[in-house]
């Protein structure tokens, strides 16, 4: 799927993978995030076979011009899970909206584990 919009100059289409890469890059820049993880073993296996994954740990769903993002992360031990999750939500929402010009409806942060 892709997010589509039209303006005076023509049609703009942004793929889910491009959105996932922006969200993944933003997550890895955020304080307290150690790594992104795949949701299922098959996702991990397919990630090994791809040369330029980029969107690991991110699931993007689009409906019309709305974007729904699920993020799967491992956080650093000793940080406030709630504070890191809220900060991550706001950062991803801001960066993806600035990148696409579309509305990010929800960002769900799923903490899979904690690392020392």
N, C-alpha and C. Protein backbone atom coordinates (compact mmCIF):
# COMPACT_ATOMS: atom_id res chain seq x y z
N UNK A 1 0.84 -1.18 0.00
CA UNK A 1 0.00 0.00 0.00
C UNK A 1 0.89 1.25 0.00
N UNK A 2 0.25 2.33 -0.26
CA UNK A 2 0.97 3.61 -0.27
C UNK A 2 -0.01 4.72 0.10
N UNK A 3 0.54 5.81 0.56
CA UNK A 3 -0.26 7.00 0.85
C UNK A 3 -0.25 7.85 -0.40
N UNK A 4 -1.42 8.28 -0.84
CA UNK A 4 -1.53 9.08 -2.06
C UNK A 4 -2.18 10.42 -1.76
N UNK A 5 -1.73 11.43 -2.47
CA UNK A 5 -2.35 12.75 -2.38
C UNK A 5 -2.20 13.44 -3.73
N UNK A 6 -3.05 14.38 -3.96
CA UNK A 6 -2.99 15.16 -5.19
C UNK A 6 -2.86 16.63 -4.84
N UNK A 7 -2.12 17.35 -5.67
CA UNK A 7 -2.04 18.80 -5.54
C UNK A 7 -2.07 19.42 -6.93
N UNK A 8 -1.79 20.70 -7.03
CA UNK A 8 -1.86 21.40 -8.31
C UNK A 8 -0.85 20.88 -9.33
N UNK A 9 0.23 20.27 -8.84
CA UNK A 9 1.29 19.82 -9.74
C UNK A 9 1.18 18.36 -10.15
N UNK A 10 0.33 17.60 -9.47
CA UNK A 10 0.16 16.20 -9.83
C UNK A 10 -0.07 15.32 -8.62
N UNK A 11 0.16 14.03 -8.82
CA UNK A 11 -0.09 13.03 -7.78
C UNK A 11 1.19 12.69 -7.04
N UNK A 12 1.08 12.54 -5.72
CA UNK A 12 2.22 12.14 -4.90
C UNK A 12 1.87 10.81 -4.24
N UNK A 13 2.77 9.85 -4.34
CA UNK A 13 2.57 8.54 -3.74
C UNK A 13 3.79 8.19 -2.91
N UNK A 14 3.58 7.87 -1.62
CA UNK A 14 4.68 7.53 -0.71
C UNK A 14 4.46 6.11 -0.24
N UNK A 15 5.44 5.24 -0.46
CA UNK A 15 5.28 3.83 -0.09
C UNK A 15 5.36 3.64 1.41
N UNK A 16 4.78 2.53 1.88
CA UNK A 16 4.83 2.19 3.30
C UNK A 16 6.26 1.94 3.75
N UNK A 17 7.10 1.39 2.88
CA UNK A 17 8.49 1.13 3.23
C UNK A 17 9.24 2.44 3.49
N UNK A 18 8.97 3.46 2.69
CA UNK A 18 9.62 4.76 2.91
C UNK A 18 9.20 5.35 4.26
N UNK A 19 7.93 5.22 4.59
CA UNK A 19 7.44 5.71 5.89
C UNK A 19 8.07 4.90 7.01
N UNK A 20 8.17 3.58 6.83
CA UNK A 20 8.77 2.71 7.85
C UNK A 20 10.24 3.05 8.07
N UNK A 21 10.96 3.39 7.02
CA UNK A 21 12.37 3.75 7.17
C UNK A 21 12.53 5.05 7.96
N UNK A 22 11.67 6.02 7.72
CA UNK A 22 11.72 7.27 8.47
C UNK A 22 11.40 7.01 9.94
N UNK A 23 10.38 6.21 10.20
CA UNK A 23 10.00 5.90 11.58
C UNK A 23 11.10 5.10 12.28
N UNK A 24 11.72 4.16 11.59
CA UNK A 24 12.78 3.35 12.17
C UNK A 24 14.00 4.20 12.50
N UNK A 25 14.36 5.09 11.59
CA UNK A 25 15.51 5.97 11.82
C UNK A 25 15.24 6.90 13.00
N UNK A 26 14.04 7.41 13.10
CA UNK A 26 13.66 8.28 14.21
C UNK A 26 13.71 7.52 15.53
N UNK A 27 13.23 6.28 15.53
CA UNK A 27 13.24 5.47 16.75
C UNK A 27 14.66 5.20 17.22
N UNK A 28 15.56 4.89 16.30
CA UNK A 28 16.94 4.59 16.69
C UNK A 28 17.67 5.83 17.19
N UNK A 29 17.22 7.02 16.82
CA UNK A 29 17.81 8.27 17.32
C UNK A 29 17.27 8.63 18.70
N UNK A 30 16.17 8.03 19.10
CA UNK A 30 15.52 8.39 20.36
C UNK A 30 16.26 7.83 21.56
N UNK A 31 16.26 8.59 22.65
CA UNK A 31 16.92 8.17 23.88
C UNK A 31 16.19 6.97 24.48
N UNK A 32 16.97 5.98 24.91
CA UNK A 32 16.41 4.82 25.59
C UNK A 32 16.11 3.64 24.70
N UNK A 33 16.13 3.83 23.39
CA UNK A 33 15.85 2.72 22.47
C UNK A 33 17.17 2.03 22.13
N UNK A 34 17.22 0.71 22.36
CA UNK A 34 18.43 -0.06 22.09
C UNK A 34 18.40 -0.63 20.68
N UNK A 35 17.26 -1.26 20.33
CA UNK A 35 17.14 -1.81 18.99
C UNK A 35 15.70 -2.02 18.61
N UNK A 36 15.49 -2.19 17.32
CA UNK A 36 14.17 -2.51 16.77
C UNK A 36 14.11 -4.01 16.60
N UNK A 37 12.96 -4.61 16.85
CA UNK A 37 12.81 -6.06 16.72
C UNK A 37 11.63 -6.39 15.82
N UNK A 38 11.71 -7.54 15.20
CA UNK A 38 10.62 -8.00 14.34
C UNK A 38 9.51 -8.59 15.18
N UNK A 39 8.32 -8.56 14.64
CA UNK A 39 7.16 -9.06 15.36
C UNK A 39 7.11 -10.58 15.38
N UNK A 40 7.54 -11.20 14.31
CA UNK A 40 7.46 -12.66 14.19
C UNK A 40 8.79 -13.20 13.71
N UNK A 41 9.00 -14.50 13.90
CA UNK A 41 10.22 -15.14 13.44
C UNK A 41 10.34 -15.06 11.93
N UNK A 42 9.23 -15.18 11.22
CA UNK A 42 9.29 -15.12 9.76
C UNK A 42 9.76 -13.75 9.29
N UNK A 43 9.42 -12.69 10.05
CA UNK A 43 9.91 -11.35 9.71
C UNK A 43 11.42 -11.28 9.88
N UNK A 44 11.94 -11.90 10.96
CA UNK A 44 13.39 -11.91 11.19
C UNK A 44 14.10 -12.67 10.09
N UNK A 45 13.52 -13.78 9.68
CA UNK A 45 14.13 -14.60 8.64
C UNK A 45 14.14 -13.86 7.31
N UNK A 46 13.04 -13.22 6.96
CA UNK A 46 12.99 -12.49 5.69
C UNK A 46 13.91 -11.27 5.73
N UNK A 47 14.13 -10.68 6.93
CA UNK A 47 15.04 -9.55 7.06
C UNK A 47 16.48 -9.98 6.77
N UNK A 48 16.83 -11.20 7.12
CA UNK A 48 18.18 -11.70 6.85
C UNK A 48 18.42 -11.84 5.35
N UNK A 49 17.38 -12.16 4.60
CA UNK A 49 17.53 -12.38 3.16
C UNK A 49 17.52 -11.08 2.37
N UNK A 50 16.99 -10.01 2.93
CA UNK A 50 16.93 -8.73 2.22
C UNK A 50 18.25 -8.00 2.38
N UNK A 51 18.60 -7.22 1.35
CA UNK A 51 19.84 -6.44 1.41
C UNK A 51 19.63 -5.11 2.11
N UNK A 52 18.50 -4.48 1.88
CA UNK A 52 18.26 -3.14 2.45
C UNK A 52 16.93 -3.08 3.16
N UNK A 53 16.80 -3.82 4.26
CA UNK A 53 15.54 -3.87 5.01
C UNK A 53 15.06 -2.50 5.41
N UNK A 54 15.70 -1.90 6.39
CA UNK A 54 15.39 -0.52 6.75
C UNK A 54 14.16 -0.33 7.61
N UNK A 55 13.11 -1.08 7.39
CA UNK A 55 11.89 -0.88 8.14
C UNK A 55 11.66 -1.92 9.21
N UNK A 56 12.71 -2.49 9.73
CA UNK A 56 12.60 -3.56 10.72
C UNK A 56 11.97 -3.01 12.00
N UNK A 57 11.00 -3.76 12.54
CA UNK A 57 10.36 -3.37 13.78
C UNK A 57 9.26 -2.35 13.62
N UNK A 58 8.89 -2.05 12.38
CA UNK A 58 7.86 -1.05 12.10
C UNK A 58 6.79 -1.69 11.23
N UNK A 59 5.53 -1.48 11.59
CA UNK A 59 4.41 -1.90 10.75
C UNK A 59 3.61 -0.65 10.41
N UNK A 60 3.48 -0.37 9.14
CA UNK A 60 2.75 0.82 8.68
C UNK A 60 1.47 0.37 7.99
N UNK A 61 0.35 0.95 8.42
CA UNK A 61 -0.94 0.69 7.79
C UNK A 61 -1.50 2.04 7.36
N UNK A 62 -2.00 2.08 6.14
CA UNK A 62 -2.56 3.33 5.64
C UNK A 62 -4.02 3.13 5.26
N UNK A 63 -4.81 4.15 5.50
CA UNK A 63 -6.22 4.15 5.09
C UNK A 63 -6.54 5.56 4.62
N UNK A 64 -6.71 5.72 3.33
CA UNK A 64 -6.94 7.04 2.77
C UNK A 64 -5.68 7.88 2.92
N UNK A 65 -5.79 9.01 3.60
CA UNK A 65 -4.59 9.81 3.85
C UNK A 65 -4.18 9.75 5.32
N UNK A 66 -4.64 8.74 6.03
CA UNK A 66 -4.28 8.52 7.44
C UNK A 66 -3.24 7.41 7.53
N UNK A 67 -2.34 7.58 8.49
CA UNK A 67 -1.24 6.62 8.67
C UNK A 67 -1.30 6.07 10.09
N UNK A 68 -1.21 4.75 10.21
CA UNK A 68 -1.19 4.07 11.51
C UNK A 68 0.14 3.32 11.61
N UNK A 69 0.89 3.54 12.69
CA UNK A 69 2.22 2.97 12.82
C UNK A 69 2.31 2.16 14.11
N UNK A 70 2.82 0.93 14.00
CA UNK A 70 3.14 0.09 15.15
C UNK A 70 4.65 -0.06 15.21
N UNK A 71 5.22 0.19 16.39
CA UNK A 71 6.67 0.14 16.58
C UNK A 71 6.98 -0.93 17.61
N UNK A 72 7.96 -1.80 17.31
CA UNK A 72 8.37 -2.88 18.20
C UNK A 72 9.83 -2.64 18.58
N UNK A 73 10.08 -2.37 19.89
CA UNK A 73 11.41 -1.95 20.32
C UNK A 73 11.87 -2.71 21.56
N UNK A 74 13.19 -2.66 21.77
CA UNK A 74 13.81 -3.07 23.03
C UNK A 74 14.42 -1.81 23.61
N UNK A 75 14.13 -1.56 24.90
CA UNK A 75 14.62 -0.34 25.52
C UNK A 75 15.75 -0.63 26.49
N UNK A 76 16.43 0.43 26.87
CA UNK A 76 17.57 0.35 27.79
C UNK A 76 17.07 0.14 29.22
N UNK A 77 17.76 -0.71 29.96
CA UNK A 77 17.41 -0.95 31.35
C UNK A 77 17.64 0.31 32.18
N UNK A 78 16.70 0.62 33.06
CA UNK A 78 16.86 1.74 33.98
C UNK A 78 16.16 3.01 33.56
N UNK A 79 15.62 3.06 32.36
CA UNK A 79 14.90 4.26 31.93
C UNK A 79 13.41 4.05 32.19
N UNK A 80 12.68 5.14 32.28
CA UNK A 80 11.23 5.06 32.46
C UNK A 80 10.59 4.60 31.15
N UNK A 81 9.93 3.45 31.20
CA UNK A 81 9.31 2.90 29.99
C UNK A 81 8.25 3.86 29.47
N UNK A 82 7.45 4.41 30.35
CA UNK A 82 6.39 5.33 29.94
C UNK A 82 6.97 6.59 29.29
N UNK A 83 8.00 7.16 29.88
CA UNK A 83 8.60 8.38 29.33
C UNK A 83 9.22 8.12 27.96
N UNK A 84 9.93 7.01 27.82
CA UNK A 84 10.55 6.67 26.54
C UNK A 84 9.48 6.42 25.48
N UNK A 85 8.42 5.69 25.84
CA UNK A 85 7.35 5.39 24.88
C UNK A 85 6.64 6.66 24.43
N UNK A 86 6.32 7.55 25.35
CA UNK A 86 5.65 8.81 24.98
C UNK A 86 6.54 9.68 24.11
N UNK A 87 7.82 9.76 24.46
CA UNK A 87 8.76 10.54 23.66
C UNK A 87 8.88 9.96 22.25
N UNK A 88 8.94 8.64 22.17
CA UNK A 88 9.05 7.96 20.87
C UNK A 88 7.81 8.21 20.02
N UNK A 89 6.64 8.13 20.63
CA UNK A 89 5.39 8.41 19.90
C UNK A 89 5.39 9.80 19.29
N UNK A 90 5.74 10.78 20.11
CA UNK A 90 5.74 12.17 19.64
C UNK A 90 6.77 12.40 18.54
N UNK A 91 7.97 11.82 18.71
CA UNK A 91 9.03 12.01 17.71
C UNK A 91 8.65 11.38 16.37
N UNK A 92 8.12 10.16 16.41
CA UNK A 92 7.74 9.49 15.16
C UNK A 92 6.59 10.23 14.50
N UNK A 93 5.60 10.62 15.27
CA UNK A 93 4.46 11.35 14.71
C UNK A 93 4.92 12.64 14.03
N UNK A 94 5.79 13.40 14.69
CA UNK A 94 6.28 14.65 14.13
C UNK A 94 7.08 14.43 12.85
N UNK A 95 8.04 13.50 12.90
CA UNK A 95 8.92 13.30 11.74
C UNK A 95 8.16 12.75 10.54
N UNK A 96 7.25 11.79 10.76
CA UNK A 96 6.51 11.21 9.64
C UNK A 96 5.53 12.23 9.05
N UNK A 97 4.89 13.01 9.90
CA UNK A 97 3.99 14.05 9.37
C UNK A 97 4.77 15.10 8.59
N UNK A 98 5.95 15.46 9.06
CA UNK A 98 6.78 16.43 8.33
C UNK A 98 7.27 15.83 7.01
N UNK A 99 7.57 14.54 7.00
CA UNK A 99 8.07 13.86 5.80
C UNK A 99 6.99 13.70 4.75
N UNK A 100 5.80 13.28 5.18
CA UNK A 100 4.75 12.95 4.21
C UNK A 100 3.76 14.07 3.95
N UNK A 101 3.56 14.94 4.93
CA UNK A 101 2.52 15.95 4.81
C UNK A 101 1.15 15.39 5.08
N UNK A 102 1.09 14.14 5.54
CA UNK A 102 -0.18 13.48 5.86
C UNK A 102 -0.35 13.43 7.38
N UNK A 103 -1.50 12.98 7.81
CA UNK A 103 -1.81 12.91 9.23
C UNK A 103 -1.48 11.52 9.76
N UNK A 104 -0.67 11.46 10.82
CA UNK A 104 -0.41 10.20 11.51
C UNK A 104 -1.48 10.09 12.59
N UNK A 105 -2.36 9.11 12.43
CA UNK A 105 -3.49 8.96 13.35
C UNK A 105 -3.05 8.36 14.68
N UNK A 106 -2.33 7.24 14.63
CA UNK A 106 -1.86 6.61 15.87
C UNK A 106 -0.46 6.06 15.70
N UNK A 107 0.29 6.09 16.80
CA UNK A 107 1.59 5.43 16.88
C UNK A 107 1.52 4.55 18.11
N UNK A 108 1.58 3.24 17.91
CA UNK A 108 1.56 2.29 19.02
C UNK A 108 2.97 1.79 19.28
N UNK A 109 3.45 1.96 20.50
CA UNK A 109 4.78 1.50 20.87
C UNK A 109 4.65 0.20 21.66
N UNK A 110 5.25 -0.87 21.15
CA UNK A 110 5.24 -2.17 21.81
C UNK A 110 6.65 -2.45 22.32
N UNK A 111 6.80 -2.47 23.64
CA UNK A 111 8.10 -2.76 24.24
C UNK A 111 8.22 -4.27 24.36
N UNK A 112 9.13 -4.86 23.59
CA UNK A 112 9.30 -6.31 23.55
C UNK A 112 10.23 -6.79 24.66
N UNK A 113 11.20 -5.97 25.01
CA UNK A 113 12.14 -6.38 26.03
C UNK A 113 12.99 -5.22 26.55
N UNK A 114 13.87 -5.59 27.49
CA UNK A 114 14.77 -4.62 28.11
C UNK A 114 16.19 -5.18 28.04
N UNK A 115 17.16 -4.34 27.69
CA UNK A 115 18.56 -4.75 27.65
C UNK A 115 19.39 -3.91 28.59
N UNK A 116 20.42 -4.54 29.14
CA UNK A 116 21.35 -3.81 30.02
C UNK A 116 22.25 -2.90 29.23
